[in-house]
Amino acid sequence: MNLFILKTWLEAKFVKDEQGANLVEYILLVAFIALAVIVAVQFLQGKVKGKFSDAGNSLG
């Protein structure tokens, strides 16, 4: 019984648990992608508006 407790304690002490670290990495990755999309939309907003305006004028 004591060996089981010692084994469990040693595993808990020395085995690295990186589950939380993975979650933080994924959150940072999603935040970076969202930021890149927002910047791209802001940068291309005028160009896209102009293209839609040109298409509307050519149809009318």
Protein backbone atom coordinates (compact mmCIF):
# COMPACT_ATOMS: atom_id res chain seq x y z
CA MET A 1 0.00 0.00 0.00
CA ASN A 2 2.79 2.43 0.84
CA LEU A 3 4.53 1.77 -2.49
CA PHE A 4 1.34 2.70 -4.34
CA ILE A 5 1.13 5.98 -2.43
CA LEU A 6 4.82 6.68 -3.10
CA LYS A 7 4.40 5.88 -6.81
CA THR A 8 1.35 8.15 -7.08
CA TRP A 9 3.15 10.97 -5.26
CA LEU A 10 6.24 10.67 -7.48
CA GLU A 11 4.13 10.70 -10.65
CA ALA A 12 2.25 13.78 -9.48
CA LYS A 13 5.50 15.50 -8.53
CA PHE A 14 7.60 14.84 -11.63
CA VAL A 15 5.19 14.32 -14.53
CA LYS A 16 4.62 17.60 -16.33
CA ASP A 17 1.04 18.56 -16.96
CA GLU A 18 0.95 20.83 -20.00
CA GLN A 19 -2.79 20.75 -20.64
CA GLY A 20 -3.27 24.30 -19.38
CA ALA A 21 -0.31 25.53 -21.42
CA ASN A 22 -1.85 24.12 -24.59
CA LEU A 23 -5.09 25.95 -23.89
CA VAL A 24 -3.26 29.26 -23.44
CA GLU A 25 -1.35 28.70 -26.68
CA TYR A 26 -4.57 28.06 -28.61
CA ILE A 27 -6.23 31.14 -27.12
CA LEU A 28 -3.25 33.30 -28.10
CA LEU A 29 -3.27 31.82 -31.61
CA VAL A 30 -7.00 32.53 -32.06
CA ALA A 31 -6.54 36.08 -30.72
CA PHE A 32 -3.66 36.69 -33.15
CA ILE A 33 -5.70 35.41 -36.11
CA ALA A 34 -8.68 37.57 -35.09
CA LEU A 35 -6.42 40.61 -34.83
CA ALA A 36 -4.97 39.91 -38.28
CA VAL A 37 -8.47 39.61 -39.77
CA ILE A 38 -9.58 42.88 -38.17
CA VAL A 39 -6.49 44.69 -39.49
CA ALA A 40 -7.01 43.23 -42.99
CA VAL A 41 -10.67 44.27 -43.04
CA GLN A 42 -9.81 47.80 -41.95
CA PHE A 43 -7.02 48.02 -44.53
CA LEU A 44 -9.11 46.70 -47.43
CA GLN A 45 -12.35 48.45 -46.51
CA GLY A 46 -11.97 51.33 -48.98
CA LYS A 47 -10.90 49.10 -51.86
CA VAL A 48 -13.79 46.69 -51.40
CA LYS A 49 -16.28 49.55 -51.11
CA GLY A 50 -14.95 51.01 -54.36
CA LYS A 51 -15.27 47.68 -56.19
CA PHE A 52 -18.87 47.23 -55.04
CA SER A 53 -19.65 50.79 -56.08
CA ASP A 54 -18.14 50.21 -59.53
CA ALA A 55 -20.08 46.96 -59.94
CA GLY A 56 -23.33 48.67 -58.92
CA ASN A 57 -22.76 51.54 -61.33
CA SER A 58 -22.01 49.20 -64.24
CA LEU A 59 -25.21 47.23 -63.58
CA GLY A 60 -27.34 50.35 -63.36
